[in-house]
Amino acid sequence: MCTGETYTKVVKLTFARGARIPDPSHLFNSSLEGNTRRAIDICEGETVDGRAFKALVKAAVAQNGAPRKSATKSRSSA
């Protein structure tokens, strides 16, 4: 669902299927060019909207809990 990495000047939270998650508060600010993942880079002293972040995590859990279409098709045809 989400990985966290610490760097010297930033903490990076990467959402594996972030491109599929709605982000009306525009928390995603990194890895925006790809078709799959999205990330939030949080710099020292920066604050994050707690409600928006909680909603994003809930959406990520729902997205990652949903079965993939290709996996469902391959299982049903077996």
N, C-alpha and C. Protein backbone atom coordinates (compact mmCIF):
# COMPACT_ATOMS: atom_id res chain seq x y z
N MET A 1 0.82 -1.17 0.00
CA MET A 1 0.00 0.00 0.00
C MET A 1 0.87 1.25 0.00
N CYS A 2 1.71 1.44 1.01
CA CYS A 2 2.53 2.64 1.12
C CYS A 2 3.87 2.27 1.77
N THR A 3 4.94 2.81 1.23
CA THR A 3 6.25 2.63 1.85
C THR A 3 6.77 3.99 2.30
N GLY A 4 7.56 3.99 3.34
CA GLY A 4 8.16 5.22 3.83
C GLY A 4 9.67 5.13 3.77
N GLU A 5 10.28 6.19 3.27
CA GLU A 5 11.74 6.24 3.18
C GLU A 5 12.20 7.56 3.78
N THR A 6 13.29 7.52 4.51
CA THR A 6 13.84 8.75 5.08
C THR A 6 15.12 9.12 4.35
N TYR A 7 15.23 10.38 4.03
CA TYR A 7 16.42 10.93 3.40
C TYR A 7 16.90 12.10 4.25
N THR A 8 18.00 12.69 3.88
CA THR A 8 18.57 13.78 4.66
C THR A 8 17.60 14.95 4.83
N LYS A 9 16.92 15.33 3.75
CA LYS A 9 16.08 16.52 3.81
C LYS A 9 14.60 16.25 3.58
N VAL A 10 14.22 14.99 3.44
CA VAL A 10 12.82 14.70 3.11
C VAL A 10 12.43 13.30 3.58
N VAL A 11 11.17 13.14 3.91
CA VAL A 11 10.59 11.82 4.13
C VAL A 11 9.68 11.57 2.94
N LYS A 12 9.85 10.42 2.28
CA LYS A 12 9.07 10.10 1.09
C LYS A 12 8.10 8.96 1.41
N LEU A 13 6.82 9.21 1.18
CA LEU A 13 5.79 8.19 1.32
C LEU A 13 5.30 7.83 -0.07
N THR A 14 5.56 6.61 -0.50
CA THR A 14 5.22 6.18 -1.85
C THR A 14 4.05 5.22 -1.81
N PHE A 15 3.03 5.52 -2.58
CA PHE A 15 1.83 4.70 -2.68
C PHE A 15 1.93 3.87 -3.96
N ALA A 16 1.92 2.54 -3.80
CA ALA A 16 2.15 1.62 -4.92
C ALA A 16 1.17 1.83 -6.07
N ARG A 17 -0.08 2.04 -5.78
CA ARG A 17 -1.09 2.26 -6.83
C ARG A 17 -1.65 3.67 -6.74
N GLY A 18 -0.80 4.60 -6.41
CA GLY A 18 -1.23 5.98 -6.18
C GLY A 18 -1.88 6.66 -7.36
N ALA A 19 -1.51 6.28 -8.58
CA ALA A 19 -2.10 6.92 -9.76
C ALA A 19 -3.60 6.64 -9.86
N ARG A 20 -4.06 5.60 -9.21
CA ARG A 20 -5.48 5.24 -9.24
C ARG A 20 -6.28 5.83 -8.08
N ILE A 21 -5.60 6.52 -7.18
CA ILE A 21 -6.26 7.04 -5.99
C ILE A 21 -6.61 8.52 -6.20
N PRO A 22 -7.86 8.89 -5.94
CA PRO A 22 -8.21 10.30 -6.05
C PRO A 22 -7.45 11.13 -5.01
N ASP A 23 -6.98 12.30 -5.41
CA ASP A 23 -6.21 13.17 -4.52
C ASP A 23 -6.71 14.61 -4.65
N PRO A 24 -7.95 14.86 -4.18
CA PRO A 24 -8.52 16.20 -4.34
C PRO A 24 -7.76 17.28 -3.58
N SER A 25 -7.03 16.93 -2.54
CA SER A 25 -6.26 17.91 -1.76
C SER A 25 -4.84 18.11 -2.31
N HIS A 26 -4.50 17.36 -3.35
CA HIS A 26 -3.19 17.47 -4.02
C HIS A 26 -2.03 17.24 -3.06
N LEU A 27 -2.13 16.17 -2.29
CA LEU A 27 -1.02 15.80 -1.40
C LEU A 27 0.13 15.18 -2.18
N PHE A 28 -0.19 14.44 -3.24
CA PHE A 28 0.88 13.84 -4.04
C PHE A 28 1.69 14.96 -4.69
N ASN A 29 3.00 14.94 -4.47
CA ASN A 29 3.85 15.98 -5.02
C ASN A 29 5.14 15.41 -5.62
N SER A 30 5.19 14.09 -5.78
CA SER A 30 6.38 13.44 -6.32
C SER A 30 5.96 12.19 -7.09
N SER A 31 6.81 11.77 -8.01
CA SER A 31 6.53 10.59 -8.86
C SER A 31 5.22 10.77 -9.61
N LEU A 32 4.97 11.96 -10.10
CA LEU A 32 3.71 12.26 -10.76
C LEU A 32 3.69 11.85 -12.24
N GLU A 33 4.85 11.57 -12.81
CA GLU A 33 4.92 11.29 -14.24
C GLU A 33 4.54 9.85 -14.61
N GLY A 34 4.55 8.95 -13.69
CA GLY A 34 4.28 7.54 -13.99
C GLY A 34 2.80 7.21 -14.04
N ASN A 35 2.50 6.00 -14.45
CA ASN A 35 1.12 5.53 -14.55
C ASN A 35 0.68 4.68 -13.38
N THR A 36 1.57 4.44 -12.42
CA THR A 36 1.25 3.54 -11.33
C THR A 36 1.38 4.19 -9.95
N ARG A 37 2.58 4.57 -9.59
CA ARG A 37 2.77 5.05 -8.22
C ARG A 37 2.74 6.57 -8.14
N ARG A 38 2.51 7.03 -6.91
CA ARG A 38 2.57 8.45 -6.57
C ARG A 38 3.21 8.55 -5.20
N ALA A 39 3.81 9.69 -4.91
CA ALA A 39 4.49 9.85 -3.63
C ALA A 39 4.22 11.23 -3.04
N ILE A 40 4.43 11.29 -1.74
CA ILE A 40 4.37 12.55 -1.00
C ILE A 40 5.74 12.75 -0.39
N ASP A 41 6.39 13.84 -0.75
CA ASP A 41 7.66 14.22 -0.14
C ASP A 41 7.35 15.25 0.94
N ILE A 42 7.77 14.97 2.15
CA ILE A 42 7.53 15.88 3.27
C ILE A 42 8.89 16.40 3.74
N CYS A 43 9.09 17.69 3.58
CA CYS A 43 10.35 18.32 4.00
C CYS A 43 10.28 18.70 5.48
N GLU A 44 11.44 18.85 6.08
CA GLU A 44 11.51 19.23 7.49
C GLU A 44 10.76 20.54 7.73
N GLY A 45 9.92 20.55 8.74
CA GLY A 45 9.16 21.73 9.09
C GLY A 45 7.84 21.86 8.34
N GLU A 46 7.64 21.06 7.33
CA GLU A 46 6.41 21.11 6.54
C GLU A 46 5.29 20.39 7.28
N THR A 47 4.09 20.87 7.15
CA THR A 47 2.94 20.19 7.75
C THR A 47 2.09 19.58 6.65
N VAL A 48 1.38 18.52 7.01
CA VAL A 48 0.51 17.81 6.08
C VAL A 48 -0.90 17.87 6.63
N ASP A 49 -1.86 18.10 5.78
CA ASP A 49 -3.27 18.12 6.18
C ASP A 49 -3.65 16.72 6.66
N GLY A 50 -3.86 16.59 7.97
CA GLY A 50 -4.14 15.28 8.57
C GLY A 50 -5.39 14.62 8.03
N ARG A 51 -6.45 15.38 7.85
CA ARG A 51 -7.70 14.81 7.32
C ARG A 51 -7.53 14.32 5.89
N ALA A 52 -6.85 15.11 5.08
CA ALA A 52 -6.62 14.72 3.68
C ALA A 52 -5.73 13.48 3.61
N PHE A 53 -4.71 13.43 4.48
CA PHE A 53 -3.82 12.27 4.49
C PHE A 53 -4.57 11.02 4.92
N LYS A 54 -5.41 11.13 5.93
CA LYS A 54 -6.20 9.99 6.39
C LYS A 54 -7.12 9.50 5.28
N ALA A 55 -7.76 10.41 4.56
CA ALA A 55 -8.63 10.04 3.45
C ALA A 55 -7.84 9.35 2.35
N LEU A 56 -6.62 9.82 2.09
CA LEU A 56 -5.77 9.22 1.07
C LEU A 56 -5.38 7.79 1.45
N VAL A 57 -5.03 7.60 2.72
CA VAL A 57 -4.66 6.25 3.19
C VAL A 57 -5.86 5.31 3.10
N LYS A 58 -7.04 5.78 3.48
CA LYS A 58 -8.25 4.95 3.37
C LYS A 58 -8.52 4.58 1.93
N ALA A 59 -8.35 5.52 1.01
CA ALA A 59 -8.55 5.23 -0.41
C ALA A 59 -7.51 4.23 -0.91
N ALA A 60 -6.28 4.33 -0.42
CA ALA A 60 -5.22 3.40 -0.81
C ALA A 60 -5.52 1.99 -0.31
N VAL A 61 -6.02 1.89 0.90
CA VAL A 61 -6.39 0.58 1.46
C VAL A 61 -7.50 -0.03 0.62
N ALA A 62 -8.50 0.77 0.28
CA ALA A 62 -9.61 0.27 -0.54
C ALA A 62 -9.11 -0.16 -1.92
N GLN A 63 -8.22 0.63 -2.51
CA GLN A 63 -7.68 0.31 -3.84
C GLN A 63 -6.84 -0.96 -3.80
N ASN A 64 -6.02 -1.11 -2.80
CA ASN A 64 -5.15 -2.28 -2.71
C ASN A 64 -5.89 -3.53 -2.29
N GLY A 65 -7.05 -3.36 -1.66
CA GLY A 65 -7.85 -4.51 -1.27
C GLY A 65 -8.70 -5.04 -2.40
N ALA A 66 -8.91 -4.22 -3.44
CA ALA A 66 -9.71 -4.64 -4.59
C ALA A 66 -8.91 -5.62 -5.44
N PRO A 67 -9.55 -6.72 -5.87
CA PRO A 67 -8.83 -7.68 -6.72
C PRO A 67 -8.52 -7.06 -8.07
N ARG A 68 -7.39 -7.43 -8.63
CA ARG A 68 -7.02 -6.96 -9.96
C ARG A 68 -7.86 -7.68 -10.99
N LYS A 69 -8.21 -6.99 -12.05
CA LYS A 69 -9.02 -7.58 -13.11
C LYS A 69 -8.30 -8.73 -13.79
N SER A 70 -7.01 -8.56 -14.06
CA SER A 70 -6.27 -9.62 -14.75
C SER A 70 -6.14 -10.87 -13.89
N ALA A 71 -5.96 -10.70 -12.58
CA ALA A 71 -5.86 -11.85 -11.69
C ALA A 71 -7.18 -12.59 -11.62
N THR A 72 -8.28 -11.85 -11.61
CA THR A 72 -9.60 -12.46 -11.55
C THR A 72 -9.86 -13.26 -12.82
N LYS A 73 -9.52 -12.70 -13.97
CA LYS A 73 -9.74 -13.38 -15.25
C LYS A 73 -8.93 -14.66 -15.35
N SER A 74 -7.66 -14.59 -14.94
CA SER A 74 -6.81 -15.77 -15.07
C SER A 74 -7.25 -16.88 -14.13
N ARG A 75 -7.78 -16.53 -12.97
CA ARG A 75 -8.26 -17.55 -12.03
C ARG A 75 -9.54 -18.19 -12.55
N SER A 76 -10.42 -17.39 -13.13
CA SER A 76 -11.70 -17.94 -13.58
C SER A 76 -11.54 -18.79 -14.83
N SER A 77 -10.49 -18.53 -15.63
CA SER A 77 -10.30 -19.32 -16.83
C SER A 77 -9.49 -20.58 -16.58
N ALA A 78 -8.96 -20.73 -15.38
CA ALA A 78 -8.14 -21.90 -15.05
C ALA A 78 -9.00 -23.12 -14.75
